[in-house]
Structure formats: C-alpha cells, structure tokens
Amino acid sequence: MANATFQSAKGKGTEAIDKAKDAGLETWEKAKEAGSETWQKAKQEGAETFDKAREAGAEALGKAKEAAVETASAVGRQAEDLTAAAGHRIKELGETMGQRGPQDGFTGRAAHVVADVIKGGGEYIEEQKITGMARDVESVIKNHPIPALLVCFGLGFCLGRMMKD
C-alpha cells in the first residue's frame, strides 16, 4: 500500500513536470511567432509558468519524500513487531521444552538448562527487538574491536569456502 502511495506521488510529480515542460514549450512557440511586444509578455508568462511548475514539482517531490519516510517507518515498525513476535514464540518453545522434557537425572538437568537458555534468548529478542539488538552489537564492537574483526574475518572465510564448493 505504501509502495502504491509512493508510485502515485512519483507519477503525479512526473506528470506535473511533463505538464510544465509542455506548457513552457507552447509558451515559447507563441512568443517566437508574436513579435517583440508579445515576446516580452510571453517571456513573463513563461517565467510564471516555470515558477508554478517548479512549485508543483517541489510539492510533488515533498509528497514523495513524505510517502517514502512513512513507508520506511511502517516497514521498520512492522519489522520490530515481527521480531518481538518471533522472540515470544522462541520463549514459548523454551517453556514447552522445560515442561515436556525429561525431569530427572542428567538428561533432565541438561534439558532444563537448554530450555532456560532458549527461553532467555526468546525474552531478550522479544524485549530488545531489532533496534536493541543492533545497539548491543554496536556496543560489543566498540568495546572489543579486534575480536569483532577476527570474528568477521572468520565468518567471511567460512562463507567463502562454502560458496567455493
């Protein structure tokens, strides 16, 4: 829907510019035919038409920018909501694993530890969403730049090896 709004605004801007070009060309042709007195009048009208076209183009561009910002904002909110929902589902999965997994012995303790880790990860994702996670990653990179670079190089190397084969 936002893309349609953006395309509509873009189309209106293009249409306004095309109309302005056509009006300017028409004014120019009349001025050439009319002579010196009419030339001055046509020149004045052409300037007014150009100003109006410039204003219309600026207005259309402003509307297109507003539509783009609204679209980006809506997409961002939707991504945040989807991330929170995914975190909630992961948290529920951890809770379910804790309830349905083995309860006694070594496997029971291991199942509870895994369930708690999954539940904690889900809570973190649900609460922090994308923006909070991005802030956390930024903070880790700022506080530990060399290990972060080494991790990036390692991941790049592994991805390159996978793509090569």
C-alpha atoms as a PDB file:
ATOM      1  CA  MET A   1       0.000   0.000   0.000  1.00  0.00           C
ATOM      2  CA  ALA A   2       2.841   2.368   0.873  1.00  0.00           C
ATOM      3  CA  ASN A   3       4.594   1.426  -2.371  1.00  0.00           C
ATOM      4  CA  ALA A   4       1.404   2.321  -4.278  1.00  0.00           C
ATOM      5  CA  THR A   5       1.307   5.689  -2.476  1.00  0.00           C
ATOM      6  CA  PHE A   6       4.956   6.282  -3.366  1.00  0.00           C
ATOM      7  CA  GLN A   7       4.334   5.309  -7.005  1.00  0.00           C
ATOM      8  CA  SER A   8       1.253   7.556  -7.136  1.00  0.00           C
ATOM      9  CA  ALA A   9       3.198  10.504  -5.738  1.00  0.00           C
ATOM     10  CA  LYS A  10       6.058   9.797  -8.112  1.00  0.00           C
ATOM     11  CA  GLY A  11       3.623   9.600 -11.045  1.00  0.00           C
ATOM     12  CA  LYS A  12       1.990  12.892 -10.034  1.00  0.00           C
ATOM     13  CA  GLY A  13       5.399  14.548  -9.829  1.00  0.00           C
ATOM     14  CA  THR A  14       6.380  13.247 -13.260  1.00  0.00           C
ATOM     15  CA  GLU A  15       3.021  14.313 -14.670  1.00  0.00           C
ATOM     16  CA  ALA A  16       3.397  17.794 -13.187  1.00  0.00           C
ATOM     17  CA  ILE A  17       6.875  18.130 -14.658  1.00  0.00           C
ATOM     18  CA  ASP A  18       5.681  16.887 -18.052  1.00  0.00           C
ATOM     19  CA  LYS A  19       2.791  19.348 -17.993  1.00  0.00           C
ATOM     20  CA  ALA A  20       5.168  22.136 -17.059  1.00  0.00           C
ATOM     21  CA  LYS A  21       7.506  21.239 -19.930  1.00  0.00           C
ATOM     22  CA  ASP A  22       4.612  21.155 -22.386  1.00  0.00           C
ATOM     23  CA  ALA A  23       3.273  24.493 -21.136  1.00  0.00           C
ATOM     24  CA  GLY A  24       6.730  26.068 -21.379  1.00  0.00           C
ATOM     25  CA  LEU A  25       7.261  24.810 -24.941  1.00  0.00           C
ATOM     26  CA  GLU A  26       3.859  26.065 -26.005  1.00  0.00           C
ATOM     27  CA  THR A  27       4.542  29.461 -24.481  1.00  0.00           C
ATOM     28  CA  TRP A  28       7.915  29.598 -26.232  1.00  0.00           C
ATOM     29  CA  GLU A  29       6.402  28.885 -29.668  1.00  0.00           C
ATOM     30  CA  LYS A  30       3.745  31.581 -29.255  1.00  0.00           C
ATOM     31  CA  ALA A  31       6.395  34.099 -28.234  1.00  0.00           C
ATOM     32  CA  LYS A  32       8.507  33.428 -31.350  1.00  0.00           C
ATOM     33  CA  GLU A  33       5.500  33.973 -33.644  1.00  0.00           C
ATOM     34  CA  ALA A  34       4.068  37.063 -31.977  1.00  0.00           C
ATOM     35  CA  GLY A  35       6.966  39.517 -32.225  1.00  0.00           C
ATOM     36  CA  SER A  36       8.835  41.735 -29.844  1.00  0.00           C
ATOM     37  CA  GLU A  37       5.894  43.095 -27.837  1.00  0.00           C
ATOM     38  CA  THR A  38       4.285  39.696 -27.489  1.00  0.00           C
ATOM     39  CA  TRP A  39       7.732  38.247 -26.818  1.00  0.00           C
ATOM     40  CA  GLN A  40       8.032  40.236 -23.577  1.00  0.00           C
ATOM     41  CA  LYS A  41       4.566  39.182 -22.465  1.00  0.00           C
ATOM     42  CA  ALA A  42       5.246  35.525 -23.326  1.00  0.00           C
ATOM     43  CA  LYS A  43       8.578  35.689 -21.523  1.00  0.00           C
ATOM     44  CA  GLN A  44       6.808  36.951 -18.412  1.00  0.00           C
ATOM     45  CA  GLU A  45       4.131  34.250 -18.660  1.00  0.00           C
ATOM     46  CA  GLY A  46       6.799  31.621 -19.251  1.00  0.00           C
ATOM     47  CA  ALA A  47       8.582  32.686 -16.084  1.00  0.00           C
ATOM     48  CA  GLU A  48       5.330  32.498 -14.141  1.00  0.00           C
ATOM     49  CA  THR A  49       4.590  29.079 -15.607  1.00  0.00           C
ATOM     50  CA  PHE A  50       8.086  27.914 -14.727  1.00  0.00           C
ATOM     51  CA  ASP A  51       7.680  29.147 -11.161  1.00  0.00           C
ATOM     52  CA  LYS A  52       4.365  27.343 -10.864  1.00  0.00           C
ATOM     53  CA  ALA A  53       5.869  24.191 -12.358  1.00  0.00           C
ATOM     54  CA  ARG A  54       8.823  24.427 -10.007  1.00  0.00           C
ATOM     55  CA  GLU A  55       6.459  24.844  -7.071  1.00  0.00           C
ATOM     56  CA  ALA A  56       4.323  21.921  -8.260  1.00  0.00           C
ATOM     57  CA  GLY A  57       7.418  19.776  -8.759  1.00  0.00           C
ATOM     58  CA  ALA A  58       8.751  20.713  -5.334  1.00  0.00           C
ATOM     59  CA  GLU A  59       5.382  19.923  -3.795  1.00  0.00           C
ATOM     60  CA  ALA A  60       5.226  16.561  -5.586  1.00  0.00           C
ATOM     61  CA  LEU A  61       8.791  15.786  -4.522  1.00  0.00           C
ATOM     62  CA  GLY A  62       7.927  16.700  -0.941  1.00  0.00           C
ATOM     63  CA  LYS A  63       4.919  14.394  -1.015  1.00  0.00           C
ATOM     64  CA  ALA A  64       7.049  11.608  -2.492  1.00  0.00           C
ATOM     65  CA  LYS A  65       9.629  12.082   0.265  1.00  0.00           C
ATOM     66  CA  GLU A  66       6.898  12.017   2.915  1.00  0.00           C
ATOM     67  CA  ALA A  67       5.487   8.825   1.416  1.00  0.00           C
ATOM     68  CA  ALA A  68       8.943   7.241   1.376  1.00  0.00           C
ATOM     69  CA  VAL A  69       9.584   8.192   5.001  1.00  0.00           C
ATOM     70  CA  GLU A  70       6.169   6.910   6.056  1.00  0.00           C
ATOM     71  CA  THR A  71       6.788   3.672   4.156  1.00  0.00           C
ATOM     72  CA  ALA A  72      10.203   3.183   5.719  1.00  0.00           C
ATOM     73  CA  SER A  73       8.804   3.953   9.152  1.00  0.00           C
ATOM     74  CA  ALA A  74       5.938   1.489   8.677  1.00  0.00           C
ATOM     75  CA  VAL A  75       8.344  -1.204   7.471  1.00  0.00           C
ATOM     76  CA  GLY A  76      10.571  -0.553  10.489  1.00  0.00           C
ATOM     77  CA  ARG A  77       7.643  -0.815  12.889  1.00  0.00           C
ATOM     78  CA  GLN A  78       6.488  -3.991  11.190  1.00  0.00           C
ATOM     79  CA  ALA A  79       9.987  -5.498  11.446  1.00  0.00           C
ATOM     80  CA  GLU A  80      10.094  -4.584  15.137  1.00  0.00           C
ATOM     81  CA  ASP A  81       6.688  -6.213  15.699  1.00  0.00           C
ATOM     82  CA  LEU A  82       7.684  -9.352  13.794  1.00  0.00           C
ATOM     83  CA  THR A  83      10.916  -9.617  15.784  1.00  0.00           C
ATOM     84  CA  ALA A  84       9.018  -9.292  19.067  1.00  0.00           C
ATOM     85  CA  ALA A  85       6.552 -11.955  17.938  1.00  0.00           C
ATOM     86  CA  ALA A  86       9.398 -14.288  16.954  1.00  0.00           C
ATOM     87  CA  GLY A  87      11.037 -13.726  20.356  1.00  0.00           C
ATOM     88  CA  HIS A  88       7.751 -14.536  22.068  1.00  0.00           C
ATOM     89  CA  ARG A  89       7.450 -17.800  20.104  1.00  0.00           C
ATOM     90  CA  ILE A  90      11.040 -18.754  20.968  1.00  0.00           C
ATOM     91  CA  LYS A  91      10.344 -18.039  24.642  1.00  0.00           C
ATOM     92  CA  GLU A  92       7.234 -20.252  24.451  1.00  0.00           C
ATOM     93  CA  LEU A  93       9.305 -23.007  22.830  1.00  0.00           C
ATOM     94  CA  GLY A  94      11.760 -22.856  25.749  1.00  0.00           C
ATOM     95  CA  GLU A  95       8.918 -23.052  28.245  1.00  0.00           C
ATOM     96  CA  THR A  96       7.393 -26.013  26.408  1.00  0.00           C
ATOM     97  CA  MET A  97      10.733 -27.811  26.272  1.00  0.00           C
ATOM     98  CA  GLY A  98      11.154 -27.294  30.016  1.00  0.00           C
ATOM     99  CA  GLN A  99       7.710 -28.714  30.734  1.00  0.00           C
ATOM    100  CA  ARG A 100       7.745 -31.637  28.306  1.00  0.00           C
ATOM    101  CA  GLY A 101      11.396 -32.653  28.531  1.00  0.00           C
ATOM    102  CA  PRO A 102      12.841 -35.183  30.929  1.00  0.00           C
ATOM    103  CA  GLN A 103      12.581 -34.038  34.534  1.00  0.00           C
ATOM    104  CA  ASP A 104      15.061 -36.302  36.362  1.00  0.00           C
ATOM    105  CA  GLY A 105      18.692 -37.233  36.091  1.00  0.00           C
ATOM    106  CA  PHE A 106      21.453 -35.842  33.913  1.00  0.00           C
ATOM    107  CA  THR A 107      19.236 -35.540  30.812  1.00  0.00           C
ATOM    108  CA  GLY A 108      16.571 -33.734  32.840  1.00  0.00           C
ATOM    109  CA  ARG A 109      19.094 -31.159  34.108  1.00  0.00           C
ATOM    110  CA  ALA A 110      20.524 -30.751  30.591  1.00  0.00           C
ATOM    111  CA  ALA A 111      17.036 -30.351  29.120  1.00  0.00           C
ATOM    112  CA  HIS A 112      16.206 -27.661  31.707  1.00  0.00           C
ATOM    113  CA  VAL A 113      19.440 -25.791  31.015  1.00  0.00           C
ATOM    114  CA  VAL A 114      18.769 -25.844  27.272  1.00  0.00           C
ATOM    115  CA  ALA A 115      15.137 -24.820  27.826  1.00  0.00           C
ATOM    116  CA  ASP A 116      16.218 -21.936  30.092  1.00  0.00           C
ATOM    117  CA  VAL A 117      18.763 -20.722  27.542  1.00  0.00           C
ATOM    118  CA  ILE A 118      16.179 -20.828  24.736  1.00  0.00           C
ATOM    119  CA  LYS A 119      13.606 -19.115  26.947  1.00  0.00           C
ATOM    120  CA  GLY A 120      16.123 -16.418  27.941  1.00  0.00           C
ATOM    121  CA  GLY A 121      17.068 -15.853  24.297  1.00  0.00           C
ATOM    122  CA  GLY A 122      13.410 -15.508  23.370  1.00  0.00           C
ATOM    123  CA  GLU A 123      12.825 -12.997  26.166  1.00  0.00           C
ATOM    124  CA  TYR A 124      15.845 -10.977  25.023  1.00  0.00           C
ATOM    125  CA  ILE A 125      14.642 -10.903  21.401  1.00  0.00           C
ATOM    126  CA  GLU A 126      11.076 -10.060  22.457  1.00  0.00           C
ATOM    127  CA  GLU A 127      12.185  -7.177  24.687  1.00  0.00           C
ATOM    128  CA  GLN A 128      15.066  -5.735  22.643  1.00  0.00           C
ATOM    129  CA  LYS A 129      13.679  -6.233  19.132  1.00  0.00           C
ATOM    130  CA  ILE A 130      15.914  -5.309  16.203  1.00  0.00           C
ATOM    131  CA  THR A 131      16.935  -1.857  17.417  1.00  0.00           C
ATOM    132  CA  GLY A 132      18.001  -3.078  20.841  1.00  0.00           C
ATOM    133  CA  MET A 133      19.951  -5.971  19.384  1.00  0.00           C
ATOM    134  CA  ALA A 134      21.655  -3.609  16.928  1.00  0.00           C
ATOM    135  CA  ARG A 135      22.638  -1.305  19.829  1.00  0.00           C
ATOM    136  CA  ASP A 136      24.045  -4.287  21.712  1.00  0.00           C
ATOM    137  CA  VAL A 137      26.064  -5.465  18.711  1.00  0.00           C
ATOM    138  CA  GLU A 138      27.338  -1.915  18.200  1.00  0.00           C
ATOM    139  CA  SER A 139      28.353  -1.739  21.847  1.00  0.00           C
ATOM    140  CA  VAL A 140      30.217  -5.056  21.686  1.00  0.00           C
ATOM    141  CA  ILE A 141      32.042  -3.983  18.528  1.00  0.00           C
ATOM    142  CA  LYS A 142      33.003  -0.613  20.066  1.00  0.00           C
ATOM    143  CA  ASN A 143      34.223  -2.230  23.269  1.00  0.00           C
ATOM    144  CA  HIS A 144      36.022  -5.150  21.575  1.00  0.00           C
ATOM    145  CA  PRO A 145      37.010  -4.105  18.027  1.00  0.00           C
ATOM    146  CA  ILE A 146      39.826  -6.593  17.395  1.00  0.00           C
ATOM    147  CA  PRO A 147      37.875  -9.715  18.395  1.00  0.00           C
ATOM    148  CA  ALA A 148      34.919  -8.391  16.360  1.00  0.00           C
ATOM    149  CA  LEU A 149      37.154  -8.041  13.294  1.00  0.00           C
ATOM    150  CA  LEU A 150      38.550 -11.541  13.828  1.00  0.00           C
ATOM    151  CA  VAL A 151      35.021 -12.952  14.043  1.00  0.00           C
ATOM    152  CA  CYS A 152      34.082 -11.129  10.823  1.00  0.00           C
ATOM    153  CA  PHE A 153      37.159 -12.436   9.031  1.00  0.00           C
ATOM    154  CA  GLY A 154      36.416 -15.951  10.267  1.00  0.00           C
ATOM    155  CA  LEU A 155      32.802 -15.782   9.131  1.00  0.00           C
ATOM    156  CA  GLY A 156      33.873 -14.354   5.762  1.00  0.00           C
ATOM    157  CA  PHE A 157      36.416 -17.127   5.331  1.00  0.00           C
ATOM    158  CA  CYS A 158      33.835 -19.820   6.173  1.00  0.00           C
ATOM    159  CA  LEU A 159      31.228 -18.296   3.836  1.00  0.00           C
ATOM    160  CA  GLY A 160      33.822 -18.031   1.071  1.00  0.00           C
ATOM    161  CA  ARG A 161      34.761 -21.697   1.497  1.00  0.00           C
ATOM    162  CA  MET A 162      31.102 -22.724   1.429  1.00  0.00           C
ATOM    163  CA  MET A 163      30.419 -20.724  -1.737  1.00  0.00           C
ATOM    164  CA  LYS A 164      33.546 -22.024  -3.429  1.00  0.00           C
ATOM    165  CA  ASP A 165      32.464 -25.654  -3.132  1.00  0.00           C
END
